Amino acid sequence: NASLTMQGAGTQSKFNPKYGESETDAYTIFSADFGKYIFFDNNNLLVKVGVENIFDKEYSTYNDWSNIPRMGRNFYVNLTFSF
C-alpha cells in the first residue's frame, strides 16, 4: 500500500496577544509512505517506511507556543507483527 498526503492551513490572523497567541503564516506540507505485507504461516508482518514534510518546509501552527517551528523533513520505519 502507499499514500501521499497534503496538510495545510491558511493564515491565522485572528489572535489575542494577551494569551500568548500570534499571527501564523499559511503552510502546506506533503508526506508519503509505502507499506508491504509479508505473510508467513498464520502470521503477517507489515513493513511501512515513510517521509514527513518531504520538501522540508519550515512552518508552525496556530497552536504552537511562540510560533516555534514544527519538525522538518523526517523519515520513519514501522513494523507491525500480527499473529
N, C-alpha and C. Protein backbone atom coordinates (compact mmCIF):
# COMPACT_ATOMS: atom_id res chain seq x y z
N ASN A 1 0.83 -1.18 0.00
CA ASN A 1 0.00 0.00 0.00
C ASN A 1 0.88 1.25 0.00
N ALA A 2 0.30 2.35 -0.38
CA ALA A 2 1.04 3.61 -0.44
C ALA A 2 0.07 4.77 -0.23
N SER A 3 0.61 5.87 0.26
CA SER A 3 -0.23 7.05 0.39
C SER A 3 0.62 8.31 0.24
N LEU A 4 0.00 9.33 -0.29
CA LEU A 4 0.59 10.65 -0.41
C LEU A 4 -0.42 11.60 0.24
N THR A 5 0.01 12.37 1.23
CA THR A 5 -0.90 13.26 1.93
C THR A 5 -0.44 14.70 1.84
N MET A 6 -1.41 15.59 1.85
CA MET A 6 -1.15 17.02 1.86
C MET A 6 -1.87 17.58 3.08
N GLN A 7 -1.18 18.39 3.85
CA GLN A 7 -1.76 19.00 5.04
C GLN A 7 -1.41 20.47 5.03
N GLY A 8 -2.33 21.32 5.46
CA GLY A 8 -2.02 22.73 5.47
C GLY A 8 -3.04 23.55 6.22
N ALA A 9 -2.80 24.82 6.27
CA ALA A 9 -3.71 25.75 6.93
C ALA A 9 -3.50 27.13 6.33
N GLY A 10 -4.53 27.95 6.41
CA GLY A 10 -4.44 29.32 5.94
C GLY A 10 -3.81 30.22 6.99
N THR A 11 -3.57 31.45 6.66
CA THR A 11 -3.00 32.42 7.59
C THR A 11 -3.96 32.62 8.76
N GLN A 12 -3.43 32.56 9.97
CA GLN A 12 -4.24 32.81 11.16
C GLN A 12 -4.05 34.26 11.55
N SER A 13 -5.09 35.06 11.32
CA SER A 13 -4.96 36.49 11.60
C SER A 13 -5.82 36.93 12.78
N LYS A 14 -6.66 36.05 13.29
CA LYS A 14 -7.47 36.38 14.47
C LYS A 14 -6.81 35.73 15.67
N PHE A 15 -6.08 36.54 16.42
CA PHE A 15 -5.34 36.04 17.57
C PHE A 15 -5.38 37.06 18.69
N ASN A 16 -5.01 36.64 19.88
CA ASN A 16 -5.03 37.52 21.03
C ASN A 16 -3.67 37.48 21.73
N PRO A 17 -2.85 38.51 21.56
CA PRO A 17 -1.52 38.54 22.19
C PRO A 17 -1.58 38.40 23.71
N LYS A 18 -2.70 38.78 24.30
CA LYS A 18 -2.86 38.68 25.76
C LYS A 18 -2.67 37.24 26.23
N TYR A 19 -3.02 36.27 25.38
CA TYR A 19 -2.91 34.86 25.74
C TYR A 19 -1.71 34.19 25.07
N GLY A 20 -0.75 34.98 24.62
CA GLY A 20 0.46 34.43 24.01
C GLY A 20 0.28 33.99 22.56
N GLU A 21 -0.84 34.34 21.96
CA GLU A 21 -1.09 33.97 20.57
C GLU A 21 -0.47 35.00 19.64
N SER A 22 -0.11 34.56 18.44
CA SER A 22 0.42 35.48 17.44
C SER A 22 0.02 35.00 16.05
N GLU A 23 0.19 35.87 15.08
CA GLU A 23 -0.18 35.54 13.70
C GLU A 23 0.70 34.41 13.17
N THR A 24 0.11 33.49 12.43
CA THR A 24 0.89 32.42 11.79
C THR A 24 0.63 32.45 10.30
N ASP A 25 1.69 32.15 9.54
CA ASP A 25 1.60 32.14 8.08
C ASP A 25 0.90 30.88 7.59
N ALA A 26 0.39 30.96 6.38
CA ALA A 26 -0.20 29.78 5.74
C ALA A 26 0.92 28.79 5.42
N TYR A 27 0.57 27.51 5.37
CA TYR A 27 1.56 26.49 5.02
C TYR A 27 0.88 25.29 4.37
N THR A 28 1.66 24.55 3.61
CA THR A 28 1.24 23.28 3.02
C THR A 28 2.44 22.35 3.07
N ILE A 29 2.22 21.15 3.61
CA ILE A 29 3.30 20.16 3.64
C ILE A 29 2.79 18.87 3.01
N PHE A 30 3.73 18.09 2.48
CA PHE A 30 3.42 16.81 1.85
C PHE A 30 4.17 15.70 2.56
N SER A 31 3.52 14.55 2.67
CA SER A 31 4.12 13.37 3.28
C SER A 31 3.77 12.17 2.43
N ALA A 32 4.58 11.12 2.52
CA ALA A 32 4.32 9.90 1.76
C ALA A 32 4.76 8.69 2.57
N ASP A 33 4.06 7.57 2.39
CA ASP A 33 4.52 6.32 2.98
C ASP A 33 4.19 5.16 2.07
N PHE A 34 4.95 4.10 2.25
CA PHE A 34 4.81 2.89 1.44
C PHE A 34 4.88 1.70 2.38
N GLY A 35 3.96 0.75 2.19
CA GLY A 35 3.93 -0.41 3.07
C GLY A 35 3.83 -1.70 2.28
N LYS A 36 4.29 -2.76 2.90
CA LYS A 36 4.25 -4.08 2.27
C LYS A 36 3.92 -5.11 3.35
N TYR A 37 2.88 -5.92 3.08
CA TYR A 37 2.55 -7.04 3.96
C TYR A 37 3.38 -8.24 3.56
N ILE A 38 3.95 -8.90 4.54
CA ILE A 38 4.68 -10.14 4.32
C ILE A 38 3.95 -11.23 5.11
N PHE A 39 3.45 -12.24 4.42
CA PHE A 39 2.67 -13.30 5.05
C PHE A 39 3.52 -14.55 5.19
N PHE A 40 3.45 -15.19 6.36
CA PHE A 40 4.09 -16.48 6.57
C PHE A 40 3.32 -17.23 7.64
N ASP A 41 3.08 -18.53 7.35
CA ASP A 41 2.24 -19.38 8.20
C ASP A 41 0.92 -18.66 8.48
N ASN A 42 0.55 -18.52 9.75
CA ASN A 42 -0.69 -17.82 10.10
C ASN A 42 -0.41 -16.41 10.62
N ASN A 43 0.76 -15.90 10.34
CA ASN A 43 1.19 -14.59 10.83
C ASN A 43 1.43 -13.66 9.66
N ASN A 44 1.47 -12.38 9.96
CA ASN A 44 1.87 -11.42 8.92
C ASN A 44 2.63 -10.27 9.54
N LEU A 45 3.42 -9.66 8.72
CA LEU A 45 4.26 -8.54 9.13
C LEU A 45 4.01 -7.41 8.14
N LEU A 46 3.73 -6.24 8.68
CA LEU A 46 3.58 -5.04 7.84
C LEU A 46 4.82 -4.19 8.04
N VAL A 47 5.52 -3.93 6.96
CA VAL A 47 6.69 -3.05 6.98
C VAL A 47 6.28 -1.76 6.27
N LYS A 48 6.40 -0.65 6.99
CA LYS A 48 6.00 0.63 6.41
C LYS A 48 7.14 1.62 6.56
N VAL A 49 7.50 2.30 5.48
CA VAL A 49 8.52 3.35 5.50
C VAL A 49 7.88 4.63 4.98
N GLY A 50 8.33 5.75 5.51
CA GLY A 50 7.73 7.00 5.06
C GLY A 50 8.61 8.19 5.32
N VAL A 51 8.17 9.30 4.78
CA VAL A 51 8.84 10.58 4.98
C VAL A 51 7.75 11.63 5.22
N GLU A 52 7.94 12.42 6.25
CA GLU A 52 7.02 13.51 6.56
C GLU A 52 7.69 14.83 6.20
N ASN A 53 6.90 15.78 5.74
CA ASN A 53 7.40 17.10 5.34
C ASN A 53 8.47 16.95 4.26
N ILE A 54 8.10 16.34 3.17
CA ILE A 54 9.02 15.97 2.08
C ILE A 54 9.91 17.13 1.64
N PHE A 55 9.35 18.32 1.50
CA PHE A 55 10.11 19.46 0.98
C PHE A 55 10.76 20.30 2.07
N ASP A 56 10.80 19.77 3.30
CA ASP A 56 11.48 20.40 4.43
C ASP A 56 11.01 21.84 4.65
N LYS A 57 9.71 22.03 4.62
CA LYS A 57 9.09 23.35 4.80
C LYS A 57 9.13 23.75 6.28
N GLU A 58 9.59 24.96 6.56
CA GLU A 58 9.54 25.46 7.94
C GLU A 58 8.16 26.07 8.17
N TYR A 59 7.47 25.59 9.20
CA TYR A 59 6.13 26.08 9.48
C TYR A 59 5.81 25.91 10.95
N SER A 60 4.83 26.63 11.39
CA SER A 60 4.27 26.45 12.73
C SER A 60 2.76 26.58 12.61
N THR A 61 2.07 25.98 13.54
CA THR A 61 0.62 26.03 13.53
C THR A 61 0.13 27.05 14.54
N TYR A 62 -1.12 27.34 14.49
CA TYR A 62 -1.74 28.30 15.39
C TYR A 62 -1.55 27.87 16.85
N ASN A 63 -1.52 26.57 17.11
CA ASN A 63 -1.41 26.06 18.48
C ASN A 63 0.02 26.03 19.00
N ASP A 64 1.01 26.28 18.18
CA ASP A 64 2.41 26.21 18.61
C ASP A 64 2.79 27.46 19.40
N TRP A 65 3.22 27.25 20.63
CA TRP A 65 3.56 28.34 21.52
C TRP A 65 4.70 29.17 20.93
N SER A 66 4.53 30.46 20.86
CA SER A 66 5.52 31.42 20.34
C SER A 66 5.98 31.09 18.92
N ASN A 67 5.12 30.43 18.14
CA ASN A 67 5.43 30.06 16.75
C ASN A 67 6.73 29.26 16.62
N ILE A 68 7.02 28.42 17.59
CA ILE A 68 8.18 27.53 17.50
C ILE A 68 7.92 26.59 16.33
N PRO A 69 8.85 26.50 15.37
CA PRO A 69 8.62 25.69 14.16
C PRO A 69 8.46 24.21 14.47
N ARG A 70 7.66 23.56 13.66
CA ARG A 70 7.48 22.11 13.73
C ARG A 70 8.71 21.42 13.15
N MET A 71 8.75 20.10 13.32
CA MET A 71 9.87 19.31 12.84
C MET A 71 9.99 19.41 11.32
N GLY A 72 11.20 19.46 10.84
CA GLY A 72 11.45 19.48 9.40
C GLY A 72 11.27 18.09 8.80
N ARG A 73 11.88 17.86 7.67
CA ARG A 73 11.77 16.56 6.99
C ARG A 73 12.26 15.46 7.94
N ASN A 74 11.50 14.37 8.02
CA ASN A 74 11.93 13.25 8.84
C ASN A 74 11.45 11.95 8.22
N PHE A 75 12.22 10.92 8.48
CA PHE A 75 11.95 9.58 7.93
C PHE A 75 11.59 8.65 9.06
N TYR A 76 10.78 7.64 8.76
CA TYR A 76 10.41 6.67 9.78
C TYR A 76 10.21 5.29 9.17
N VAL A 77 10.29 4.27 10.04
CA VAL A 77 10.03 2.88 9.69
C VAL A 77 9.14 2.31 10.77
N ASN A 78 8.04 1.67 10.37
CA ASN A 78 7.13 0.98 11.30
C ASN A 78 7.10 -0.50 10.96
N LEU A 79 7.16 -1.32 11.98
CA LEU A 79 6.99 -2.76 11.82
C LEU A 79 5.81 -3.19 12.68
N THR A 80 4.84 -3.86 12.07
CA THR A 80 3.68 -4.35 12.79
C THR A 80 3.55 -5.84 12.55
N PHE A 81 3.61 -6.61 13.64
CA PHE A 81 3.53 -8.06 13.55
C PHE A 81 2.19 -8.51 14.09
N SER A 82 1.47 -9.32 13.32
CA SER A 82 0.16 -9.83 13.73
C SER A 82 0.20 -11.35 13.72
N PHE A 83 -0.37 -11.95 14.76
CA PHE A 83 -0.44 -13.42 14.81
C PHE A 83 -1.78 -13.89 15.27
